[in-house]
Amino acid sequence: MDAQKERNTSVALAISGWSLTLVSLVVGNIGTDLRVLLFLVPLGGFIGVLGLLRIWITPKPGRKFFSPGIWWGGLYGATGLLFATAIGLTGQGAYPEIVVATVIASLLLFCVPGFSVMALGIVRTSKVNKSLKGA
């Protein structure tokens, strides 16, 4: 893959992720609107950190490449599974529909993007390692 295109994508990811986080905090009145903090801030942080990791961890000729998306996506997705499991097991209170909605939101917010990035990281690692081996 073209190195400049790869860098531009990484910079765009970092800027968009941290911008989403910053705008979410400002619009959410710095913590008074819980919906913003629970949904947009973690997603923006995830995207921003992924962009920074892609900037810092780049393929080097002659060395095996391990995409940061694999372990960062896996960590983020596993965090979502942990939250969903903990909420599902401990949230047997007076409002079970809120517990179910929170578990579903946790799975959609954390697991779907996390494991999607993990799968894309595996594909990227394979492509980069093949191109480095062929070069």
Protein backbone atom coordinates (compact mmCIF):
# COMPACT_ATOMS: atom_id res chain seq x y z
CA MET A 1 0.00 0.00 0.00
CA ASP A 2 1.17 3.54 -0.67
CA ALA A 3 2.90 4.91 2.44
CA GLN A 4 1.54 8.45 2.05
CA LYS A 5 -2.02 7.19 1.57
CA GLU A 6 -1.62 5.00 4.67
CA ARG A 7 -0.35 7.96 6.72
CA ASN A 8 -3.19 10.20 5.49
CA THR A 9 -5.74 7.57 6.53
CA SER A 10 -4.16 7.28 9.97
CA VAL A 11 -4.09 11.06 10.47
CA ALA A 12 -7.73 11.31 9.34
CA LEU A 13 -8.71 8.58 11.83
CA ALA A 14 -6.92 10.32 14.68
CA ILE A 15 -8.36 13.76 13.91
CA SER A 16 -11.92 12.52 13.39
CA GLY A 17 -11.89 10.38 16.53
CA TRP A 18 -10.58 13.07 18.84
CA SER A 19 -12.85 15.67 17.21
CA LEU A 20 -15.86 13.45 17.89
CA THR A 21 -14.77 13.12 21.50
CA LEU A 22 -14.22 16.86 21.94
CA VAL A 23 -17.47 17.86 20.26
CA SER A 24 -19.36 15.26 22.30
CA LEU A 25 -17.98 16.66 25.53
CA VAL A 26 -18.78 20.24 24.56
CA VAL A 27 -22.28 19.45 23.30
CA GLY A 28 -22.91 17.23 26.32
CA ASN A 29 -22.09 20.18 28.61
CA ILE A 30 -18.98 18.49 29.99
CA GLY A 31 -20.64 15.56 31.62
CA THR A 32 -24.21 16.64 32.31
CA ASP A 33 -25.73 14.57 29.50
CA LEU A 34 -24.93 10.95 30.25
CA ARG A 35 -26.04 9.67 26.85
CA VAL A 36 -23.23 11.57 25.16
CA LEU A 37 -20.62 10.33 27.62
CA LEU A 38 -21.78 6.74 27.42
CA PHE A 39 -22.05 6.51 23.65
CA LEU A 40 -20.03 9.01 21.64
CA VAL A 41 -17.02 9.66 23.86
CA PRO A 42 -15.84 6.02 24.05
CA LEU A 43 -16.33 5.57 20.31
CA GLY A 44 -14.45 8.79 19.51
CA GLY A 45 -11.65 7.78 21.87
CA PHE A 46 -11.43 4.35 20.26
CA ILE A 47 -11.14 5.84 16.77
CA GLY A 48 -8.66 8.48 17.92
CA VAL A 49 -6.37 5.99 19.65
CA LEU A 50 -6.55 3.67 16.63
CA GLY A 51 -5.43 6.54 14.39
CA LEU A 52 -2.52 7.38 16.71
CA LEU A 53 -1.46 3.74 16.92
CA ARG A 54 -1.49 3.48 13.12
CA ILE A 55 0.73 6.57 12.93
CA TRP A 56 3.21 5.27 15.50
CA ILE A 57 3.29 1.58 14.53
CA THR A 58 4.25 1.27 10.89
CA PRO A 59 5.56 -1.65 8.83
CA LYS A 60 9.34 -1.91 8.60
CA PRO A 61 11.06 -3.81 5.77
CA GLY A 62 12.57 -7.11 6.85
CA ARG A 63 10.40 -7.42 9.98
CA LYS A 64 7.05 -9.09 10.52
CA PHE A 65 4.23 -6.60 10.91
CA PHE A 66 1.50 -6.94 13.53
CA SER A 67 -1.29 -4.41 13.00
CA PRO A 68 -2.32 -2.38 16.05
CA GLY A 69 -5.92 -2.92 14.98
CA ILE A 70 -5.70 -6.56 16.03
CA TRP A 71 -4.88 -6.03 19.67
CA TRP A 72 -6.58 -2.61 20.06
CA GLY A 73 -9.81 -3.89 18.49
CA GLY A 74 -9.65 -7.08 20.54
CA LEU A 75 -9.14 -5.11 23.76
CA TYR A 76 -12.01 -2.76 22.98
CA GLY A 77 -14.34 -5.61 21.97
CA ALA A 78 -13.42 -7.64 25.06
CA THR A 79 -14.17 -4.59 27.22
CA GLY A 80 -17.63 -4.46 25.68
CA LEU A 81 -18.19 -8.15 26.38
CA LEU A 82 -17.06 -7.63 29.96
CA PHE A 83 -19.41 -4.67 30.46
CA ALA A 84 -22.34 -6.49 28.85
CA THR A 85 -21.77 -9.59 30.96
CA ALA A 86 -21.37 -7.64 34.19
CA ILE A 87 -24.46 -5.54 33.55
CA GLY A 88 -26.47 -8.56 32.48
CA LEU A 89 -25.53 -10.60 35.55
CA THR A 90 -25.84 -7.86 38.18
CA GLY A 91 -28.72 -5.86 36.75
CA GLN A 92 -31.65 -8.00 37.81
CA GLY A 93 -33.55 -5.13 39.40
CA ALA A 94 -36.94 -3.51 39.09
CA TYR A 95 -36.38 -2.43 35.48
CA PRO A 96 -35.19 -5.42 33.43
CA GLU A 97 -35.95 -3.65 30.13
CA ILE A 98 -33.31 -1.02 30.98
CA VAL A 99 -30.81 -3.79 31.68
CA VAL A 100 -31.55 -5.45 28.34
CA ALA A 101 -31.24 -2.12 26.48
CA THR A 102 -27.94 -1.37 28.22
CA VAL A 103 -26.53 -4.80 27.39
CA ILE A 104 -27.54 -4.43 23.74
CA ALA A 105 -26.08 -0.92 23.59
CA SER A 106 -22.84 -2.14 25.15
CA LEU A 107 -22.55 -4.93 22.62
CA LEU A 108 -23.29 -2.61 19.70
CA LEU A 109 -21.06 0.22 20.91
CA PHE A 110 -18.03 -1.81 21.95
CA CYS A 111 -18.09 -5.28 20.43
CA VAL A 112 -19.15 -4.49 16.88
CA PRO A 113 -16.52 -1.78 16.22
CA GLY A 114 -13.86 -3.57 18.27
CA PHE A 115 -14.13 -6.93 16.61
CA SER A 116 -14.63 -5.34 13.16
CA VAL A 117 -11.35 -3.44 13.58
CA MET A 118 -9.74 -6.65 14.80
CA ALA A 119 -10.82 -8.49 11.64
CA LEU A 120 -9.63 -5.61 9.44
CA GLY A 121 -6.32 -5.62 11.32
CA ILE A 122 -5.86 -9.31 10.55
CA VAL A 123 -6.48 -8.63 6.86
CA ARG A 124 -4.09 -5.65 6.91
CA THR A 125 -1.39 -7.65 8.66
CA SER A 126 -1.66 -10.41 6.08
CA LYS A 127 -1.49 -7.98 3.13
CA VAL A 128 1.42 -6.00 4.54
CA ASN A 129 3.43 -9.11 5.42
CA LYS A 130 2.86 -10.55 1.93
CA SER A 131 3.97 -7.30 0.29
CA LEU A 132 7.04 -7.04 2.55
CA LYS A 133 7.97 -10.64 1.77
CA GLY A 134 7.60 -10.05 -1.96
CA ALA A 135 9.64 -6.82 -1.94
